[in-house]
């Protein structure tokens, strides 16, 4: 499709014999004309073309039409475009990202309708859009009757994607991203994430020639300030408090004892829980004495069967923000080596070599080990401590990195072991790096004295 701003429009030509009027114009080097029954109709058409030229709009050389008219001929509703966007993103997105994409589209789509007459209640609408309209695995399946009614309503009521050229409509869509189902304001991180996805979907509309430009930057709408990422030392348990909680985990019967080494990996190796779920014996070096090593190379986040290609609840992918072949080697202290050796002796390994499994041999669900951890916190900590310390299993990883840095470990080494960039580590754990100032100052002073020959 060839677009140009080189437009020439002639005056209306009256054709007496045919009792008609002709509008003639040229787009680039291609002439075009249209014949009308009366001169008034011809004048109206000429005026429309002139307005498009005055707006600075490009014309399509082949058809002679302004691009806005051309788009309307092939108009696509926002609901259809959102599904096309999901289809485009689906193949290369992990299961957790697919869920996030669906959630964002299910949030913004109800704001892009002609009116709300006949719309189902918000919870039913969200479920139908999230679980069916924007879950590609469900396409082709027969939805329940109530879901089918909701989706049919959106097919009828959805605004054309071109309606986003109206700033009021775009603002309405952006404002919808701020609200939870109950009408309260969503978390800043959630709003920012959904806004980024909506922006990407609109860019896709521009690429698909449904919009001439992205309207979002033209709307005066500000994102909420990001929540401070920096870890507060008051929320981080010390090593003795962690040990007390791990002992409390082991006191919760067979279920708890099976989880001690798992939680120990999160703390002593600074690993993400999803990195430990699929840990295999072949990835462990566990000597009888001294430090051992874990070689982490994949994550197994629980995303739900509806979103994974395998149909299993846990997805399988490489380390976070790393290539699929990346392996992160992490030294582990004797304390964790002993935990793992005991675990293997007591429970063996799964047929595929996994160290950790449910009583039925499955992958550990986050809800299961989360419940055990919550109970252990209440038993091992005072009410005041339980109110602020390590509320999530993931916080054991935070406690680990904090402890390493506070001990004076080099930030670059800590970042490498944790699978972080140094920039993220310095931003999030800045207060713990400060704890090592005295040790660092001593090392610097010694080096300076060595250079000058002056005793420290």
Protein backbone atom coordinates (compact mmCIF):
# COMPACT_ATOMS: atom_id res chain seq x y z
CA UNK A 1 0.00 0.00 0.00
CA UNK A 2 1.52 3.32 -1.15
CA UNK A 3 0.70 6.43 0.89
CA UNK A 4 1.37 10.01 -0.14
CA UNK A 5 0.64 13.61 0.87
CA UNK A 6 0.86 14.76 -2.77
CA UNK A 7 -2.83 15.46 -3.40
CA UNK A 8 -4.49 17.64 -6.02
CA UNK A 9 -8.28 18.20 -6.08
CA UNK A 10 -10.04 19.93 -8.99
CA UNK A 11 -13.35 21.75 -9.00
CA UNK A 12 -16.54 19.77 -9.50
CA UNK A 13 -17.29 19.22 -13.21
CA UNK A 14 -20.92 19.34 -14.26
CA UNK A 15 -21.79 16.74 -16.90
CA UNK A 16 -24.90 18.07 -18.67
CA UNK A 17 -25.67 15.11 -20.93
CA UNK A 18 -25.50 12.56 -18.15
CA UNK A 19 -27.18 14.98 -15.73
CA UNK A 20 -24.50 14.25 -13.16
CA UNK A 21 -21.51 15.86 -11.45
CA UNK A 22 -17.95 14.55 -11.23
CA UNK A 23 -15.29 14.99 -8.54
CA UNK A 24 -11.75 14.60 -9.83
CA UNK A 25 -8.54 14.40 -7.82
CA UNK A 26 -5.04 13.01 -8.17
CA UNK A 27 -3.07 11.09 -5.51
CA UNK A 28 0.60 11.12 -6.37
CA UNK A 29 0.60 10.33 -10.09
CA UNK A 30 -2.69 8.38 -10.08
CA UNK A 31 -5.91 10.16 -11.13
CA UNK A 32 -9.24 9.34 -9.46
CA UNK A 33 -12.83 10.40 -9.97
CA UNK A 34 -16.30 9.84 -8.55
CA UNK A 35 -19.64 10.63 -10.22
CA UNK A 36 -22.71 11.85 -8.29
CA UNK A 37 -26.32 12.34 -9.23
CA UNK A 38 -26.36 16.02 -8.23
CA UNK A 39 -23.77 18.78 -7.93
CA UNK A 40 -24.61 19.17 -4.22
CA UNK A 41 -23.57 15.60 -3.50
CA UNK A 42 -20.41 16.10 -5.53
CA UNK A 43 -19.59 19.30 -3.64
CA UNK A 44 -20.04 17.46 -0.33
CA UNK A 45 -17.62 14.74 -1.41
CA UNK A 46 -15.06 17.28 -2.59
CA UNK A 47 -15.36 19.08 0.75
CA UNK A 48 -14.66 15.80 2.61
CA UNK A 49 -11.51 15.26 0.59
CA UNK A 50 -10.41 18.85 1.16
CA UNK A 51 -10.87 18.49 4.93
CA UNK A 52 -8.67 15.39 4.91
CA UNK A 53 -5.98 17.32 3.03
CA UNK A 54 -6.21 20.26 5.43
CA UNK A 55 -5.81 17.86 8.38
CA UNK A 56 -2.51 16.75 6.85
CA UNK A 57 -3.81 13.25 6.25
CA UNK A 58 -2.06 10.87 3.87
CA UNK A 59 -4.00 9.29 0.97
CA UNK A 60 -3.73 5.79 -0.46
CA UNK A 61 -2.52 6.06 -4.06
CA UNK A 62 -4.23 2.90 -5.28
CA UNK A 63 -7.76 3.69 -4.02
CA UNK A 64 -7.47 7.47 -3.81
CA UNK A 65 -8.98 7.45 -0.31
CA UNK A 66 -7.76 9.23 2.83
CA UNK A 67 -6.28 6.66 5.20
CA UNK A 68 -9.00 7.32 7.81
CA UNK A 69 -11.66 6.26 5.29
CA UNK A 70 -9.63 3.26 4.22
CA UNK A 71 -9.36 2.05 7.80
CA UNK A 72 -13.10 2.40 8.35
CA UNK A 73 -13.77 0.12 5.39
CA UNK A 74 -11.82 -2.63 7.13
CA UNK A 75 -12.79 -1.59 10.68
CA UNK A 76 -11.83 -4.00 13.46
CA UNK A 77 -13.45 -3.83 16.89
CA UNK A 78 -11.28 -3.48 19.99
CA UNK A 79 -12.52 -6.87 21.22
CA UNK A 80 -11.37 -8.52 17.98
CA UNK A 81 -8.09 -6.61 18.00
CA UNK A 82 -7.40 -7.62 21.62
CA UNK A 83 -7.86 -11.28 20.67
CA UNK A 84 -5.54 -10.78 17.69
CA UNK A 85 -2.99 -9.26 20.04
CA UNK A 86 -3.23 -12.24 22.41
CA UNK A 87 -2.81 -14.60 19.45
CA UNK A 88 0.30 -12.70 18.33
CA UNK A 89 1.92 -12.76 21.79
CA UNK A 90 0.88 -16.29 22.79
CA UNK A 91 3.50 -18.57 21.11
CA UNK A 92 6.56 -16.86 22.62
CA UNK A 93 5.09 -16.06 26.04
CA UNK A 94 5.55 -18.27 29.12
CA UNK A 95 2.40 -19.31 30.95
CA UNK A 96 2.69 -16.64 33.65
CA UNK A 97 3.00 -13.91 31.00
CA UNK A 98 -0.05 -15.27 29.17
CA UNK A 99 -2.04 -14.87 32.38
CA UNK A 100 -0.78 -11.31 32.80
CA UNK A 101 -1.69 -10.42 29.21
CA UNK A 102 -5.18 -11.87 29.63
CA UNK A 103 -5.69 -10.00 32.88
CA UNK A 104 -4.75 -6.67 31.30
CA UNK A 105 -7.01 -7.18 28.28
CA UNK A 106 -9.88 -8.31 30.53
CA UNK A 107 -9.46 -5.12 32.57
CA UNK A 108 -9.42 -2.62 29.71
CA UNK A 109 -11.92 -4.20 27.28
CA UNK A 110 -15.09 -3.42 29.33
CA UNK A 111 -14.17 0.28 29.10
CA UNK A 112 -14.10 0.20 25.28
CA UNK A 113 -17.78 -0.46 24.56
CA UNK A 114 -20.56 1.65 23.08
CA UNK A 115 -22.56 1.60 26.32
CA UNK A 116 -23.05 -0.65 29.35
CA UNK A 117 -26.70 -1.56 28.76
CA UNK A 118 -27.07 -5.32 29.14
CA UNK A 119 -23.54 -5.85 30.46
CA UNK A 120 -23.23 -8.65 33.04
CA UNK A 121 -21.91 -7.98 36.53
CA UNK A 122 -18.18 -7.10 36.72
CA UNK A 123 -17.07 -10.43 38.20
CA UNK A 124 -18.85 -12.48 35.52
CA UNK A 125 -17.47 -10.23 32.80
CA UNK A 126 -13.90 -10.49 34.11
CA UNK A 127 -14.08 -14.27 34.38
CA UNK A 128 -15.50 -14.67 30.87
CA UNK A 129 -12.90 -12.40 29.29
CA UNK A 130 -9.94 -13.64 31.33
CA UNK A 131 -10.64 -17.36 31.18
CA UNK A 132 -12.21 -17.63 27.71
CA UNK A 133 -11.88 -14.63 25.40
CA UNK A 134 -8.17 -14.08 26.10
CA UNK A 135 -7.02 -17.62 26.83
CA UNK A 136 -6.03 -19.08 23.48
CA UNK A 137 -6.12 -22.63 24.85
CA UNK A 138 -9.90 -22.23 25.28
CA UNK A 139 -10.56 -21.04 21.72
CA UNK A 140 -12.57 -23.64 19.88
CA UNK A 141 -14.02 -25.11 23.10
CA UNK A 142 -17.70 -24.66 23.87
CA UNK A 143 -18.07 -22.17 26.77
CA UNK A 144 -20.87 -22.35 29.35
CA UNK A 145 -24.06 -20.55 28.39
CA UNK A 146 -23.47 -17.55 30.67
CA UNK A 147 -19.94 -17.09 29.30
CA UNK A 148 -21.19 -17.39 25.72
CA UNK A 149 -23.75 -14.66 26.41
CA UNK A 150 -21.06 -12.32 27.77
CA UNK A 151 -18.75 -12.88 24.81
CA UNK A 152 -21.59 -12.34 22.32
CA UNK A 153 -22.42 -9.08 24.07
CA UNK A 154 -18.85 -7.83 23.64
CA UNK A 155 -18.81 -8.85 19.98
CA UNK A 156 -21.85 -6.59 19.47
CA UNK A 157 -20.95 -3.71 21.77
CA UNK A 158 -17.19 -3.33 21.39
CA UNK A 159 -16.06 0.01 19.97
CA UNK A 160 -13.99 0.03 16.79
CA UNK A 161 -10.27 0.24 17.53
CA UNK A 162 -10.18 3.55 15.68
CA UNK A 163 -12.30 5.04 18.48
CA UNK A 164 -9.05 5.39 20.44
CA UNK A 165 -8.28 8.45 18.31
CA UNK A 166 -10.76 10.17 20.63
CA UNK A 167 -8.75 11.19 23.71
CA UNK A 168 -11.78 10.82 25.93
CA UNK A 169 -12.06 7.15 24.96
CA UNK A 170 -8.35 6.56 25.48
CA UNK A 171 -8.47 8.20 28.91
CA UNK A 172 -11.46 6.02 29.85
CA UNK A 173 -9.45 2.93 28.96
CA UNK A 174 -6.43 4.11 30.97
CA UNK A 175 -8.60 4.93 33.99
CA UNK A 176 -10.04 1.41 33.91
CA UNK A 177 -6.53 0.06 34.53
CA UNK A 178 -6.49 1.77 37.93
CA UNK A 179 -9.45 -0.13 39.37
CA UNK A 180 -9.91 -3.51 40.96
CA UNK A 181 -13.16 -5.41 40.51
CA UNK A 182 -14.54 -3.91 43.72
CA UNK A 183 -13.85 -0.38 42.49
CA UNK A 184 -10.91 0.31 44.80
CA UNK A 185 -7.58 1.54 43.49
CA UNK A 186 -5.22 -1.20 42.30
CA UNK A 187 -1.61 -1.50 43.42
CA UNK A 188 0.82 0.79 41.61
CA UNK A 189 2.81 -2.16 40.25
CA UNK A 190 -0.36 -3.71 38.80
CA UNK A 191 -1.40 -0.45 37.12
CA UNK A 192 2.05 0.05 35.58
CA UNK A 193 2.16 -3.54 34.31
CA UNK A 194 -1.31 -3.34 32.71
CA UNK A 195 -0.60 0.06 31.21
CA UNK A 196 2.54 -1.30 29.55
CA UNK A 197 0.54 -4.16 28.02
CA UNK A 198 -2.24 -1.82 26.85
CA UNK A 199 0.38 0.45 25.29
CA UNK A 200 1.91 -2.52 23.49
CA UNK A 201 -1.52 -3.59 22.20
CA UNK A 202 -2.12 -0.08 20.83
CA UNK A 203 1.29 -0.13 19.13
CA UNK A 204 0.20 -3.40 17.53
CA UNK A 205 -2.95 -1.60 16.29
CA UNK A 206 -0.72 1.01 14.62
CA UNK A 207 1.37 -1.77 13.03
CA UNK A 208 -1.87 -3.37 11.82
CA UNK A 209 -2.90 -0.01 10.30
CA UNK A 210 -5.99 0.24 12.49
CA UNK A 211 -4.63 3.51 13.91
CA UNK A 212 -2.41 6.10 12.26
CA UNK A 213 -0.53 6.84 15.51
CA UNK A 214 -0.44 5.81 19.15
CA UNK A 215 -2.93 8.07 20.98
CA UNK A 216 -1.72 7.26 24.52
CA UNK A 217 1.15 9.82 24.67
CA UNK A 218 -1.31 12.59 23.71
CA UNK A 219 -3.44 11.95 26.80
CA UNK A 220 -2.46 13.79 29.98
CA UNK A 221 -2.56 10.78 32.28
CA UNK A 222 0.12 9.99 34.81
CA UNK A 223 1.21 6.64 36.14
CA UNK A 224 1.28 6.19 39.91
CA UNK A 225 4.67 6.53 41.51
CA UNK A 226 6.43 3.16 41.71
CA UNK A 227 6.58 1.57 45.13
CA UNK A 228 10.01 1.83 46.70
CA UNK A 229 11.86 -1.39 45.91
CA UNK A 230 14.53 -1.02 48.57
CA UNK A 231 14.39 -3.75 51.19
CA UNK A 232 13.71 -2.53 54.73
CA UNK A 233 16.09 -4.20 57.22
CA UNK A 234 13.26 -4.27 59.77
CA UNK A 235 11.48 -6.90 57.64
CA UNK A 236 14.48 -9.23 57.28
CA UNK A 237 15.00 -12.06 59.81
CA UNK A 238 18.49 -12.76 61.11
CA UNK A 239 20.07 -16.23 60.69
CA UNK A 240 18.97 -17.43 64.15
CA UNK A 241 15.37 -16.43 63.48
CA UNK A 242 15.47 -18.29 60.16
CA UNK A 243 16.88 -21.40 61.84
CA UNK A 244 14.10 -21.26 64.44
CA UNK A 245 11.48 -21.12 61.68
CA UNK A 246 13.07 -24.01 59.79
CA UNK A 247 13.00 -26.08 62.98
CA UNK A 248 9.30 -25.22 63.33
CA UNK A 249 8.75 -26.40 59.76
CA UNK A 250 10.35 -29.75 60.59
CA UNK A 251 8.04 -30.19 63.57
CA UNK A 252 4.92 -30.26 61.35
CA UNK A 253 4.93 -33.99 60.74
CA UNK A 254 5.93 -35.73 57.53
CA UNK A 255 4.70 -32.88 55.37
CA UNK A 256 6.88 -30.36 57.22
CA UNK A 257 9.98 -32.56 57.34
CA UNK A 258 9.85 -32.96 53.54
CA UNK A 259 10.02 -29.19 53.18
CA UNK A 260 12.94 -28.29 55.48
CA UNK A 261 15.64 -28.80 52.83
CA UNK A 262 13.46 -27.15 50.17
CA UNK A 263 13.09 -23.99 52.25
CA UNK A 264 16.75 -24.29 53.22
CA UNK A 265 17.70 -24.00 49.54
CA UNK A 266 15.72 -20.76 49.26
CA UNK A 267 17.61 -19.30 52.23
CA UNK A 268 21.11 -20.78 52.17
CA UNK A 269 21.44 -20.75 48.35
CA UNK A 270 19.45 -17.52 47.84
CA UNK A 271 17.38 -19.32 45.22
CA UNK A 272 13.92 -18.44 43.98
CA UNK A 273 11.33 -21.04 45.11
CA UNK A 274 10.46 -21.82 41.47
CA UNK A 275 14.14 -22.59 40.82
CA UNK A 276 14.18 -25.19 43.61
CA UNK A 277 10.91 -26.96 42.75
CA UNK A 278 12.52 -28.93 39.92
CA UNK A 279 16.02 -29.26 41.45
CA UNK A 280 17.59 -32.64 40.62
CA UNK A 281 20.26 -34.69 42.37
CA UNK A 282 22.48 -34.40 39.29
CA UNK A 283 22.58 -30.63 39.83
CA UNK A 284 23.96 -30.95 43.38
CA UNK A 285 27.48 -31.42 44.68
CA UNK A 286 27.14 -32.58 48.30
CA UNK A 287 30.47 -33.50 49.91
CA UNK A 288 30.63 -35.04 53.38
CA UNK A 289 32.60 -32.04 54.63
CA UNK A 290 32.83 -28.42 53.57
CA UNK A 291 30.90 -26.38 51.06
CA UNK A 292 28.83 -27.87 48.27
CA UNK A 293 27.30 -26.44 45.11
CA UNK A 294 23.95 -26.18 43.29
CA UNK A 295 23.73 -25.71 39.53
CA UNK A 296 20.40 -24.03 38.86
CA UNK A 297 19.20 -24.07 35.26
CA UNK A 298 15.41 -23.86 35.08
CA UNK A 299 12.36 -22.48 36.84
CA UNK A 300 9.07 -24.31 37.40
CA UNK A 301 6.54 -21.60 38.30
CA UNK A 302 2.98 -22.72 38.96
CA UNK A 303 0.84 -20.97 36.34
CA UNK A 304 -2.17 -23.27 36.12
CA UNK A 305 -3.07 -26.00 33.63
CA UNK A 306 -5.18 -23.63 31.54
CA UNK A 307 -2.14 -21.55 30.54
CA UNK A 308 0.69 -24.02 29.92
CA UNK A 309 1.30 -25.81 26.62
CA UNK A 310 1.94 -29.08 28.47
CA UNK A 311 -1.38 -29.01 30.34
CA UNK A 312 0.51 -29.30 33.64
CA UNK A 313 0.06 -26.83 36.47
CA UNK A 314 3.76 -25.90 36.48
CA UNK A 315 5.40 -24.24 33.51
CA UNK A 316 8.97 -25.08 32.54
CA UNK A 317 11.41 -22.44 31.37
CA UNK A 318 14.96 -21.17 31.82
CA UNK A 319 16.26 -18.98 34.59
CA UNK A 320 14.58 -15.59 34.95
CA UNK A 321 15.63 -13.17 32.20
CA UNK A 322 18.34 -15.57 31.01
CA UNK A 323 18.74 -17.80 27.97
CA UNK A 324 17.33 -21.31 28.20
CA UNK A 325 20.84 -22.83 28.41
CA UNK A 326 22.14 -20.58 31.20
CA UNK A 327 23.30 -22.38 34.35
CA UNK A 328 23.81 -20.49 37.62
CA UNK A 329 26.32 -22.13 39.91
CA UNK A 330 25.82 -21.32 43.60
CA UNK A 331 28.13 -22.42 46.43
CA UNK A 332 26.17 -23.68 49.46
CA UNK A 333 27.33 -23.82 53.09
CA UNK A 334 27.81 -27.10 55.02
CA UNK A 335 24.54 -26.47 56.88
CA UNK A 336 22.52 -26.80 53.67
CA UNK A 337 24.67 -29.69 52.41
CA UNK A 338 23.74 -31.61 55.58
CA UNK A 339 20.03 -30.80 55.10
CA UNK A 340 20.08 -32.09 51.52
CA UNK A 341 22.01 -35.25 52.37
CA UNK A 342 19.52 -36.04 55.16
CA UNK A 343 16.57 -35.36 52.83
CA UNK A 344 17.94 -37.69 50.16
CA UNK A 345 18.64 -40.40 52.73
CA UNK A 346 15.13 -40.10 54.18
CA UNK A 347 13.03 -39.70 51.03
CA UNK A 348 15.18 -40.65 48.04
CA UNK A 349 14.57 -38.93 44.71
CA UNK A 350 11.78 -38.99 42.14
CA UNK A 351 12.15 -41.19 39.04
CA UNK A 352 13.29 -38.13 37.07
CA UNK A 353 15.88 -37.24 39.74
CA UNK A 354 13.94 -34.47 41.50
CA UNK A 355 14.73 -33.97 45.17
CA UNK A 356 11.43 -32.43 46.22
CA UNK A 357 7.95 -33.83 45.62
CA UNK A 358 4.55 -34.15 47.20
CA UNK A 359 3.46 -37.36 48.93
CA UNK A 360 2.04 -38.43 45.57
CA UNK A 361 5.23 -37.57 43.70
CA UNK A 362 4.05 -34.32 42.11
CA UNK A 363 5.72 -30.93 41.95
CA UNK A 364 5.45 -28.87 45.13
CA UNK A 365 2.57 -26.33 44.94
CA UNK A 366 3.27 -22.86 46.30
CA UNK A 367 0.04 -22.98 48.31
CA UNK A 368 1.26 -26.10 50.12
CA UNK A 369 4.67 -24.91 51.23
CA UNK A 370 3.20 -21.45 51.85
CA UNK A 371 0.79 -22.86 54.43
CA UNK A 372 3.56 -24.75 56.22
CA UNK A 373 5.73 -21.63 56.30
CA UNK A 374 2.90 -19.48 57.68
CA UNK A 375 2.33 -21.94 60.52
CA UNK A 376 6.05 -22.11 61.32
CA UNK A 377 6.29 -18.34 61.56
CA UNK A 378 3.57 -18.21 64.19
CA UNK A 379 5.25 -20.92 66.25
CA UNK A 380 8.84 -19.66 66.02
CA UNK A 381 8.38 -15.89 66.17
CA UNK A 382 6.83 -13.51 68.66
CA UNK A 383 3.60 -11.78 67.54
CA UNK A 384 5.56 -8.59 66.89
CA UNK A 385 8.19 -10.43 64.84
CA UNK A 386 5.59 -12.40 62.90
CA UNK A 387 3.92 -9.13 61.95
CA UNK A 388 6.96 -7.92 59.97
CA UNK A 389 9.50 -10.68 59.28
CA UNK A 390 9.64 -12.88 56.15
CA UNK A 391 5.92 -13.18 55.52
CA UNK A 392 6.45 -15.02 52.22
CA UNK A 393 8.65 -17.97 51.41
CA UNK A 394 10.31 -15.75 48.78
CA UNK A 395 11.43 -13.48 51.64
CA UNK A 396 13.90 -16.18 52.64
CA UNK A 397 15.79 -15.35 49.44
CA UNK A 398 15.68 -11.67 50.39
CA UNK A 399 17.05 -12.56 53.82
CA UNK A 400 19.86 -14.58 52.22
CA UNK A 401 21.06 -11.80 49.91
CA UNK A 402 20.79 -9.29 52.73
CA UNK A 403 22.93 -11.50 54.99
CA UNK A 404 25.59 -11.98 52.30
CA UNK A 405 25.90 -8.26 51.68
CA UNK A 406 25.86 -7.35 55.37
CA UNK A 407 28.70 -9.83 55.87
CA UNK A 408 30.81 -7.77 53.45
CA UNK A 409 30.47 -9.98 50.36
CA UNK A 410 31.32 -8.30 47.07
CA UNK A 411 28.09 -7.05 45.39
CA UNK A 412 29.17 -8.37 42.00
CA UNK A 413 29.65 -11.87 43.45
CA UNK A 414 26.31 -11.69 45.27
CA UNK A 415 24.54 -10.55 42.09
CA UNK A 416 26.07 -13.44 40.15
CA UNK A 417 24.99 -16.03 42.73
CA UNK A 418 21.50 -14.55 42.98
CA UNK A 419 20.90 -14.20 39.24
CA UNK A 420 20.47 -10.42 39.55
CA UNK A 421 22.10 -7.58 37.69
CA UNK A 422 24.45 -5.52 39.85
CA UNK A 423 22.25 -2.46 39.22
CA UNK A 424 19.16 -4.19 40.65
CA UNK A 425 21.13 -5.49 43.62
CA UNK A 426 22.51 -2.05 44.48
CA UNK A 427 19.07 -0.47 44.20
CA UNK A 428 17.12 -3.06 46.18
CA UNK A 429 19.67 -3.97 48.84
CA UNK A 430 21.41 -0.60 49.29
CA UNK A 431 20.88 -0.49 53.07
CA UNK A 432 22.66 -3.80 53.56
CA UNK A 433 25.60 -2.76 51.45
CA UNK A 434 25.97 0.23 53.74
CA UNK A 435 26.38 -2.18 56.66
CA UNK A 436 29.72 -3.24 55.20
CA UNK A 437 31.09 0.32 55.02
CA UNK A 438 33.48 -0.17 57.96
CA UNK A 439 34.96 -3.33 56.48
CA UNK A 440 35.26 -1.68 53.08
CA UNK A 441 36.87 1.44 54.55
CA UNK A 442 39.43 -0.69 56.34
CA UNK A 443 40.34 -2.48 53.11
CA UNK A 444 40.62 0.83 51.22
CA UNK A 445 42.76 2.39 53.94
CA UNK A 446 45.07 -0.60 53.93
CA UNK A 447 45.47 -0.39 50.17
CA UNK A 448 46.16 3.33 50.24
CA UNK A 449 48.72 2.89 53.00
CA UNK A 450 50.39 0.14 51.00
CA UNK A 451 50.76 2.46 48.02
CA UNK A 452 52.20 5.35 50.01
CA UNK A 453 54.33 3.35 52.37
CA UNK A 454 52.56 4.99 55.31
CA UNK A 455 51.45 2.62 58.12
CA UNK A 456 47.74 2.42 58.77
